[in-house]
């Protein structure tokens, strides 16, 4: 005996309905089968995506900043590009 289905009502975005309908026609399966396949696939891939991956980021020194204070933009430009910037 197979899995018994549950009848329910869902609201799909128009673009998702169109994609599911197109896929069901292309695969020659019912819309219901296509929807169930898509939901199963999404739930399976979601569980794969939620697996935690640990990344380690090592700091890298970029040296002394060229400008210590960014409050005066004119001074910053003059320091970086010289007094003839304007």
PDB file of N, CA and C in Angstrom:
ATOM      1  N   UNK A   1       0.838  -1.175   0.000  1.00  0.00           N
ATOM      2  CA  UNK A   1       0.000   0.000   0.000  1.00  0.00           C
ATOM      3  C   UNK A   1       0.887   1.244   0.000  1.00  0.00           C
ATOM      4  N   UNK A   2       0.611   2.199  -0.866  1.00  0.00           N
ATOM      5  CA  UNK A   2       1.423   3.395  -1.005  1.00  0.00           C
ATOM      6  C   UNK A   2       1.094   4.447   0.038  1.00  0.00           C
ATOM      7  N   UNK A   3       1.793   5.543  -0.038  1.00  0.00           N
ATOM      8  CA  UNK A   3       1.558   6.659   0.872  1.00  0.00           C
ATOM      9  C   UNK A   3       0.237   7.316   0.503  1.00  0.00           C
ATOM     10  N   UNK A   4      -0.601   7.530   1.520  1.00  0.00           N
ATOM     11  CA  UNK A   4      -1.888   8.160   1.285  1.00  0.00           C
ATOM     12  C   UNK A   4      -1.685   9.663   1.203  1.00  0.00           C
ATOM     13  N   UNK A   5      -2.279  10.277   0.200  1.00  0.00           N
ATOM     14  CA  UNK A   5      -2.135  11.713   0.023  1.00  0.00           C
ATOM     15  C   UNK A   5      -3.092  12.501   0.896  1.00  0.00           C
ATOM     16  N   UNK A   6      -2.714  13.714   1.187  1.00  0.00           N
ATOM     17  CA  UNK A   6      -3.540  14.638   1.943  1.00  0.00           C
ATOM     18  C   UNK A   6      -3.988  15.729   0.982  1.00  0.00           C
ATOM     19  N   UNK A   7      -5.267  15.963   0.930  1.00  0.00           N
ATOM     20  CA  UNK A   7      -5.796  17.016   0.064  1.00  0.00           C
ATOM     21  C   UNK A   7      -5.723  18.342   0.812  1.00  0.00           C
ATOM     22  N   UNK A   8      -5.158  19.350   0.164  1.00  0.00           N
ATOM     23  CA  UNK A   8      -5.044  20.671   0.783  1.00  0.00           C
ATOM     24  C   UNK A   8      -5.100  21.730  -0.307  1.00  0.00           C
ATOM     25  N   UNK A   9      -5.200  22.962   0.091  1.00  0.00           N
ATOM     26  CA  UNK A   9      -5.205  24.081  -0.852  1.00  0.00           C
ATOM     27  C   UNK A   9      -3.951  24.896  -0.617  1.00  0.00           C
ATOM     28  N   UNK A  10      -3.256  25.223  -1.686  1.00  0.00           N
ATOM     29  CA  UNK A  10      -2.076  26.079  -1.585  1.00  0.00           C
ATOM     30  C   UNK A  10      -2.233  27.224  -2.572  1.00  0.00           C
ATOM     31  N   UNK A  11      -1.542  28.302  -2.309  1.00  0.00           N
ATOM     32  CA  UNK A  11      -1.522  29.439  -3.227  1.00  0.00           C
ATOM     33  C   UNK A  11      -0.107  29.565  -3.756  1.00  0.00           C
ATOM     34  N   UNK A  12       0.027  29.460  -5.077  1.00  0.00           N
ATOM     35  CA  UNK A  12       1.339  29.565  -5.717  1.00  0.00           C
ATOM     36  C   UNK A  12       1.472  30.915  -6.394  1.00  0.00           C
ATOM     37  N   UNK A  13       2.681  31.435  -6.421  1.00  0.00           N
ATOM     38  CA  UNK A  13       2.946  32.609  -7.244  1.00  0.00           C
ATOM     39  C   UNK A  13       2.762  32.197  -8.693  1.00  0.00           C
ATOM     40  N   UNK A  14       2.347  33.142  -9.522  1.00  0.00           N
ATOM     41  CA  UNK A  14       2.062  32.831 -10.931  1.00  0.00           C
ATOM     42  C   UNK A  14       3.264  32.246 -11.662  1.00  0.00           C
ATOM     43  N   UNK A  15       4.458  32.785 -11.368  1.00  0.00           N
ATOM     44  CA  UNK A  15       5.649  32.282 -12.056  1.00  0.00           C
ATOM     45  C   UNK A  15       5.964  30.846 -11.650  1.00  0.00           C
ATOM     46  N   UNK A  16       5.734  30.506 -10.367  1.00  0.00           N
ATOM     47  CA  UNK A  16       5.975  29.133  -9.915  1.00  0.00           C
ATOM     48  C   UNK A  16       4.959  28.173 -10.516  1.00  0.00           C
ATOM     49  N   UNK A  17       3.702  28.601 -10.603  1.00  0.00           N
ATOM     50  CA  UNK A  17       2.684  27.766 -11.224  1.00  0.00           C
ATOM     51  C   UNK A  17       3.054  27.475 -12.677  1.00  0.00           C
ATOM     52  N   UNK A  18       3.478  28.523 -13.391  1.00  0.00           N
ATOM     53  CA  UNK A  18       3.835  28.354 -14.805  1.00  0.00           C
ATOM     54  C   UNK A  18       5.023  27.400 -14.959  1.00  0.00           C
ATOM     55  N   UNK A  19       6.033  27.536 -14.097  1.00  0.00           N
ATOM     56  CA  UNK A  19       7.201  26.647 -14.189  1.00  0.00           C
ATOM     57  C   UNK A  19       6.833  25.204 -13.875  1.00  0.00           C
ATOM     58  N   UNK A  20       6.018  25.015 -12.838  1.00  0.00           N
ATOM     59  CA  UNK A  20       5.596  23.657 -12.485  1.00  0.00           C
ATOM     60  C   UNK A  20       4.758  23.041 -13.602  1.00  0.00           C
ATOM     61  N   UNK A  21       3.854  23.828 -14.166  1.00  0.00           N
ATOM     62  CA  UNK A  21       2.995  23.336 -15.248  1.00  0.00           C
ATOM     63  C   UNK A  21       3.848  22.964 -16.461  1.00  0.00           C
ATOM     64  N   UNK A  22       4.787  23.826 -16.809  1.00  0.00           N
ATOM     65  CA  UNK A  22       5.673  23.578 -17.950  1.00  0.00           C
ATOM     66  C   UNK A  22       6.493  22.300 -17.731  1.00  0.00           C
ATOM     67  N   UNK A  23       7.034  22.142 -16.527  1.00  0.00           N
ATOM     68  CA  UNK A  23       7.821  20.948 -16.215  1.00  0.00           C
ATOM     69  C   UNK A  23       6.968  19.684 -16.230  1.00  0.00           C
ATOM     70  N   UNK A  24       5.741  19.789 -15.738  1.00  0.00           N
ATOM     71  CA  UNK A  24       4.873  18.606 -15.708  1.00  0.00           C
ATOM     72  C   UNK A  24       4.528  18.151 -17.122  1.00  0.00           C
ATOM     73  N   UNK A  25       4.325  19.107 -18.016  1.00  0.00           N
ATOM     74  CA  UNK A  25       4.051  18.761 -19.420  1.00  0.00           C
ATOM     75  C   UNK A  25       5.299  18.152 -20.056  1.00  0.00           C
ATOM     76  N   UNK A  26       6.458  18.774 -19.809  1.00  0.00           N
ATOM     77  CA  UNK A  26       7.707  18.290 -20.399  1.00  0.00           C
ATOM     78  C   UNK A  26       8.047  16.880 -19.922  1.00  0.00           C
ATOM     79  N   UNK A  27       7.763  16.573 -18.655  1.00  0.00           N
ATOM     80  CA  UNK A  27       8.082  15.258 -18.099  1.00  0.00           C
ATOM     81  C   UNK A  27       6.912  14.272 -18.233  1.00  0.00           C
ATOM     82  N   UNK A  28       5.813  14.760 -18.784  1.00  0.00           N
ATOM     83  CA  UNK A  28       4.616  13.930 -18.989  1.00  0.00           C
ATOM     84  C   UNK A  28       4.147  13.302 -17.674  1.00  0.00           C
ATOM     85  N   UNK A  29       4.071  14.147 -16.630  1.00  0.00           N
ATOM     86  CA  UNK A  29       3.528  13.714 -15.341  1.00  0.00           C
ATOM     87  C   UNK A  29       2.428  14.699 -14.941  1.00  0.00           C
ATOM     88  N   UNK A  30       1.621  14.304 -13.974  1.00  0.00           N
ATOM     89  CA  UNK A  30       0.551  15.197 -13.529  1.00  0.00           C
ATOM     90  C   UNK A  30       1.138  16.385 -12.775  1.00  0.00           C
ATOM     91  N   UNK A  31       0.349  17.448 -12.701  1.00  0.00           N
ATOM     92  CA  UNK A  31       0.771  18.632 -11.962  1.00  0.00           C
ATOM     93  C   UNK A  31       1.026  18.262 -10.505  1.00  0.00           C
ATOM     94  N   UNK A  32       0.168  17.425  -9.939  1.00  0.00           N
ATOM     95  CA  UNK A  32       0.311  16.969  -8.556  1.00  0.00           C
ATOM     96  C   UNK A  32       1.650  16.265  -8.349  1.00  0.00           C
ATOM     97  N   UNK A  33       2.006  15.373  -9.265  1.00  0.00           N
ATOM     98  CA  UNK A  33       3.285  14.663  -9.162  1.00  0.00           C
ATOM     99  C   UNK A  33       4.460  15.630  -9.255  1.00  0.00           C
ATOM    100  N   UNK A  34       4.336  16.600 -10.173  1.00  0.00           N
ATOM    101  CA  UNK A  34       5.416  17.575 -10.354  1.00  0.00           C
ATOM    102  C   UNK A  34       5.578  18.433  -9.105  1.00  0.00           C
ATOM    103  N   UNK A  35       4.467  18.859  -8.521  1.00  0.00           N
ATOM    104  CA  UNK A  35       4.515  19.672  -7.315  1.00  0.00           C
ATOM    105  C   UNK A  35       5.149  18.889  -6.170  1.00  0.00           C
ATOM    106  N   UNK A  36       4.736  17.645  -5.988  1.00  0.00           N
ATOM    107  CA  UNK A  36       5.319  16.813  -4.927  1.00  0.00           C
ATOM    108  C   UNK A  36       6.813  16.610  -5.144  1.00  0.00           C
ATOM    109  N   UNK A  37       7.218  16.389  -6.387  1.00  0.00           N
ATOM    110  CA  UNK A  37       8.642  16.217  -6.697  1.00  0.00           C
ATOM    111  C   UNK A  37       9.429  17.486  -6.358  1.00  0.00           C
ATOM    112  N   UNK A  38       8.854  18.632  -6.713  1.00  0.00           N
ATOM    113  CA  UNK A  38       9.532  19.906  -6.446  1.00  0.00           C
ATOM    114  C   UNK A  38       9.656  20.166  -4.948  1.00  0.00           C
ATOM    115  N   UNK A  39       8.603  19.864  -4.195  1.00  0.00           N
ATOM    116  CA  UNK A  39       8.648  20.066  -2.747  1.00  0.00           C
ATOM    117  C   UNK A  39       9.671  19.120  -2.113  1.00  0.00           C
ATOM    118  N   UNK A  40       9.648  17.854  -2.525  1.00  0.00           N
ATOM    119  CA  UNK A  40      10.628  16.896  -1.992  1.00  0.00           C
ATOM    120  C   UNK A  40      12.055  17.347  -2.286  1.00  0.00           C
ATOM    121  N   UNK A  41      12.278  17.770  -3.520  1.00  0.00           N
ATOM    122  CA  UNK A  41      13.603  18.221  -3.924  1.00  0.00           C
ATOM    123  C   UNK A  41      14.040  19.437  -3.101  1.00  0.00           C
ATOM    124  N   UNK A  42      13.128  20.365  -2.913  1.00  0.00           N
ATOM    125  CA  UNK A  42      13.449  21.561  -2.140  1.00  0.00           C
ATOM    126  C   UNK A  42      13.758  21.238  -0.697  1.00  0.00           C
ATOM    127  N   UNK A  43      12.982  20.350  -0.100  1.00  0.00           N
ATOM    128  CA  UNK A  43      13.231  19.986   1.298  1.00  0.00           C
ATOM    129  C   UNK A  43      14.535  19.224   1.448  1.00  0.00           C
ATOM    130  N   UNK A  44      14.860  18.384   0.482  1.00  0.00           N
ATOM    131  CA  UNK A  44      16.108  17.630   0.530  1.00  0.00           C
ATOM    132  C   UNK A  44      17.306  18.568   0.392  1.00  0.00           C
ATOM    133  N   UNK A  45      17.255  19.471  -0.578  1.00  0.00           N
ATOM    134  CA  UNK A  45      18.388  20.374  -0.781  1.00  0.00           C
ATOM    135  C   UNK A  45      18.511  21.353   0.371  1.00  0.00           C
ATOM    136  N   UNK A  46      17.395  21.710   1.016  1.00  0.00           N
ATOM    137  CA  UNK A  46      17.462  22.614   2.159  1.00  0.00           C
ATOM    138  C   UNK A  46      18.236  21.963   3.294  1.00  0.00           C
ATOM    139  N   UNK A  47      18.001  20.689   3.528  1.00  0.00           N
ATOM    140  CA  UNK A  47      18.716  20.024   4.610  1.00  0.00           C
ATOM    141  C   UNK A  47      20.210  19.938   4.306  1.00  0.00           C
ATOM    142  N   UNK A  48      20.561  19.866   3.056  1.00  0.00           N
ATOM    143  CA  UNK A  48      21.973  19.859   2.671  1.00  0.00           C
ATOM    144  C   UNK A  48      22.568  21.246   2.890  1.00  0.00           C
ATOM    145  N   UNK A  49      21.822  22.301   2.528  1.00  0.00           N
ATOM    146  CA  UNK A  49      22.331  23.663   2.683  1.00  0.00           C
ATOM    147  C   UNK A  49      22.501  24.076   4.127  1.00  0.00           C
ATOM    148  N   UNK A  50      21.700  23.511   5.036  1.00  0.00           N
ATOM    149  CA  UNK A  50      21.789  23.935   6.423  1.00  0.00           C
ATOM    150  C   UNK A  50      22.937  23.261   7.173  1.00  0.00           C
ATOM    151  N   UNK A  51      23.641  22.356   6.525  1.00  0.00           N
ATOM    152  CA  UNK A  51      24.800  21.742   7.165  1.00  0.00           C
ATOM    153  C   UNK A  51      25.818  22.840   7.449  1.00  0.00           C
ATOM    154  N   UNK A  52      26.344  22.837   8.657  1.00  0.00           N
ATOM    155  CA  UNK A  52      27.260  23.915   9.031  1.00  0.00           C
ATOM    156  C   UNK A  52      28.663  23.639   8.517  1.00  0.00           C
ATOM    157  N   UNK A  53      29.236  24.633   7.929  1.00  0.00           N
ATOM    158  CA  UNK A  53      30.611  24.580   7.457  1.00  0.00           C
ATOM    159  C   UNK A  53      31.390  25.635   8.228  1.00  0.00           C
ATOM    160  N   UNK A  54      32.506  25.262   8.769  1.00  0.00           N
ATOM    161  CA  UNK A  54      33.318  26.192   9.539  1.00  0.00           C
ATOM    162  C   UNK A  54      34.409  26.773   8.654  1.00  0.00           C
ATOM    163  N   UNK A  55      34.481  28.086   8.659  1.00  0.00           N
ATOM    164  CA  UNK A  55      35.519  28.780   7.915  1.00  0.00           C
ATOM    165  C   UNK A  55      36.425  29.497   8.906  1.00  0.00           C
ATOM    166  N   UNK A  56      37.691  29.514   8.614  1.00  0.00           N
ATOM    167  CA  UNK A  56      38.638  30.248   9.445  1.00  0.00           C
ATOM    168  C   UNK A  56      39.232  31.358   8.600  1.00  0.00           C
ATOM    169  N   UNK A  57      39.130  32.564   9.117  1.00  0.00           N
ATOM    170  CA  UNK A  57      39.671  33.723   8.416  1.00  0.00           C
ATOM    171  C   UNK A  57      40.846  34.247   9.211  1.00  0.00           C
ATOM    172  N   UNK A  58      41.984  34.302   8.573  1.00  0.00           N
ATOM    173  CA  UNK A  58      43.190  34.801   9.220  1.00  0.00           C
ATOM    174  C   UNK A  58      43.368  36.277   8.882  1.00  0.00           C
ATOM    175  N   UNK A  59      43.599  37.118   9.877  1.00  0.00           N
ATOM    176  CA  UNK A  59      43.808  38.542   9.606  1.00  0.00           C
ATOM    177  C   UNK A  59      45.122  38.770   8.859  1.00  0.00           C
ATOM    178  N   UNK A  60      45.140  39.780   8.043  1.00  0.00           N
ATOM    179  CA  UNK A  60      46.335  40.132   7.270  1.00  0.00           C
ATOM    180  C   UNK A  60      46.627  41.603   7.509  1.00  0.00           C
ATOM    181  N   UNK A  61      47.840  41.908   7.868  1.00  0.00           N
ATOM    182  CA  UNK A  61      48.214  43.299   8.099  1.00  0.00           C
ATOM    183  C   UNK A  61      48.336  44.025   6.764  1.00  0.00           C
ATOM    184  N   UNK A  62      47.701  45.175   6.676  1.00  0.00           N
ATOM    185  CA  UNK A  62      47.791  45.992   5.472  1.00  0.00           C
ATOM    186  C   UNK A  62      48.752  47.162   5.662  1.00  0.00           C
ATOM    187  N   UNK A  63      49.432  47.151   6.779  1.00  0.00           N
ATOM    188  CA  UNK A  63      50.386  48.211   7.052  1.00  0.00           C
ATOM    189  C   UNK A  63      49.714  49.402   7.711  1.00  0.00           C
ATOM    190  N   UNK A  64      50.479  50.462   7.872  1.00  0.00           N
ATOM    191  CA  UNK A  64      49.985  51.676   8.511  1.00  0.00           C
ATOM    192  C   UNK A  64      49.046  52.402   7.546  1.00  0.00           C
ATOM    193  N   UNK A  65      47.891  52.901   8.025  1.00  0.00           N
ATOM    194  CA  UNK A  65      46.990  53.641   7.143  1.00  0.00           C
ATOM    195  C   UNK A  65      47.648  54.918   6.620  1.00  0.00           C
ATOM    196  N   UNK A  66      47.346  55.267   5.387  1.00  0.00           N
ATOM    197  CA  UNK A  66      47.913  56.475   4.791  1.00  0.00           C
ATOM    198  C   UNK A  66      47.334  57.723   5.457  1.00  0.00           C
ATOM    199  N   UNK A  67      46.110  57.621   5.968  1.00  0.00           N
ATOM    200  CA  UNK A  67      45.444  58.753   6.602  1.00  0.00           C
ATOM    201  C   UNK A  67      44.905  58.280   7.945  1.00  0.00           C
ATOM    202  N   UNK A  68      45.199  59.027   8.997  1.00  0.00           N
ATOM    203  CA  UNK A  68      44.746  58.627  10.333  1.00  0.00           C
ATOM    204  C   UNK A  68      43.315  59.048  10.624  1.00  0.00           C
ATOM    205  N   UNK A  69      42.864  60.160  10.070  1.00  0.00           N
ATOM    206  CA  UNK A  69      41.560  60.713  10.398  1.00  0.00           C
ATOM    207  C   UNK A  69      40.783  61.002   9.110  1.00  0.00           C
ATOM    208  N   UNK A  70      39.579  60.475   9.003  1.00  0.00           N
ATOM    209  CA  UNK A  70      38.769  60.672   7.796  1.00  0.00           C
ATOM    210  C   UNK A  70      37.705  61.749   7.969  1.00  0.00           C
ATOM    211  N   UNK A  71      37.749  62.509   9.065  1.00  0.00           N
ATOM    212  CA  UNK A  71      36.734  63.526   9.339  1.00  0.00           C
ATOM    213  C   UNK A  71      36.764  64.685   8.342  1.00  0.00           C
ATOM    214  N   UNK A  72      37.926  65.053   7.856  1.00  0.00           N
ATOM    215  CA  UNK A  72      38.051  66.176   6.927  1.00  0.00           C
ATOM    216  C   UNK A  72      38.426  65.620   5.555  1.00  0.00           C
ATOM    217  N   UNK A  73      37.442  65.509   4.667  1.00  0.00           N
ATOM    218  CA  UNK A  73      37.679  64.879   3.361  1.00  0.00           C
ATOM    219  C   UNK A  73      38.673  65.666   2.519  1.00  0.00           C
ATOM    220  N   UNK A  74      38.668  66.982   2.650  1.00  0.00           N
ATOM    221  CA  UNK A  74      39.638  67.803   1.916  1.00  0.00           C
ATOM    222  C   UNK A  74      41.058  67.477   2.322  1.00  0.00           C
ATOM    223  N   UNK A  75      41.255  67.281   3.597  1.00  0.00           N
ATOM    224  CA  UNK A  75      42.578  66.919   4.103  1.00  0.00           C
ATOM    225  C   UNK A  75      42.983  65.522   3.631  1.00  0.00           C
ATOM    226  N   UNK A  76      42.020  64.614   3.604  1.00  0.00           N
ATOM    227  CA  UNK A  76      42.293  63.250   3.135  1.00  0.00           C
ATOM    228  C   UNK A  76      42.736  63.283   1.678  1.00  0.00           C
ATOM    229  N   UNK A  77      42.000  63.999   0.832  1.00  0.00           N
ATOM    230  CA  UNK A  77      42.337  64.071  -0.594  1.00  0.00           C
ATOM    231  C   UNK A  77      43.697  64.744  -0.778  1.00  0.00           C
ATOM    232  N   UNK A  78      43.920  65.819  -0.033  1.00  0.00           N
ATOM    233  CA  UNK A  78      45.206  66.522  -0.139  1.00  0.00           C
ATOM    234  C   UNK A  78      46.352  65.610   0.265  1.00  0.00           C
ATOM    235  N   UNK A  79      46.141  64.799   1.288  1.00  0.00           N
ATOM    236  CA  UNK A  79      47.187  63.882   1.732  1.00  0.00           C
ATOM    237  C   UNK A  79      47.460  62.808   0.694  1.00  0.00           C
ATOM    238  N   UNK A  80      46.399  62.242   0.131  1.00  0.00           N
ATOM    239  CA  UNK A  80      46.561  61.124  -0.799  1.00  0.00           C
ATOM    240  C   UNK A  80      46.939  61.547  -2.212  1.00  0.00           C
ATOM    241  N   UNK A  81      46.428  62.695  -2.664  1.00  0.00           N
ATOM    242  CA  UNK A  81      46.661  63.090  -4.051  1.00  0.00           C
ATOM    243  C   UNK A  81      47.522  64.335  -4.182  1.00  0.00           C
ATOM    244  N   UNK A  82      47.892  64.920  -3.102  1.00  0.00           N
ATOM    245  CA  UNK A  82      48.718  66.121  -3.159  1.00  0.00           C
ATOM    246  C   UNK A  82      47.831  67.344  -3.103  1.00  0.00           C
ATOM    247  N   UNK A  83      48.438  68.482  -2.855  1.00  0.00           N
ATOM    248  CA  UNK A  83      47.699  69.734  -2.703  1.00  0.00           C
ATOM    249  C   UNK A  83      47.041  70.210  -3.988  1.00  0.00           C
ATOM    250  N   UNK A  84      47.452  69.738  -5.146  1.00  0.00           N
ATOM    251  CA  UNK A  84      46.914  70.231  -6.419  1.00  0.00           C
ATOM    252  C   UNK A  84      45.696  69.465  -6.894  1.00  0.00           C
ATOM    253  N   UNK A  85      44.980  68.794  -6.022  1.00  0.00           N
ATOM    254  CA  UNK A  85      43.832  67.962  -6.399  1.00  0.00           C
ATOM    255  C   UNK A  85      42.641  68.747  -6.887  1.00  0.00           C
ATOM    256  N   UNK A  86      42.479  70.033  -6.499  1.00  0.00           N
ATOM    257  CA  UNK A  86      41.279  70.769  -6.877  1.00  0.00           C
ATOM    258  C   UNK A  86      41.399  71.495  -8.178  1.00  0.00           C
TER     259      UNK A  86
END
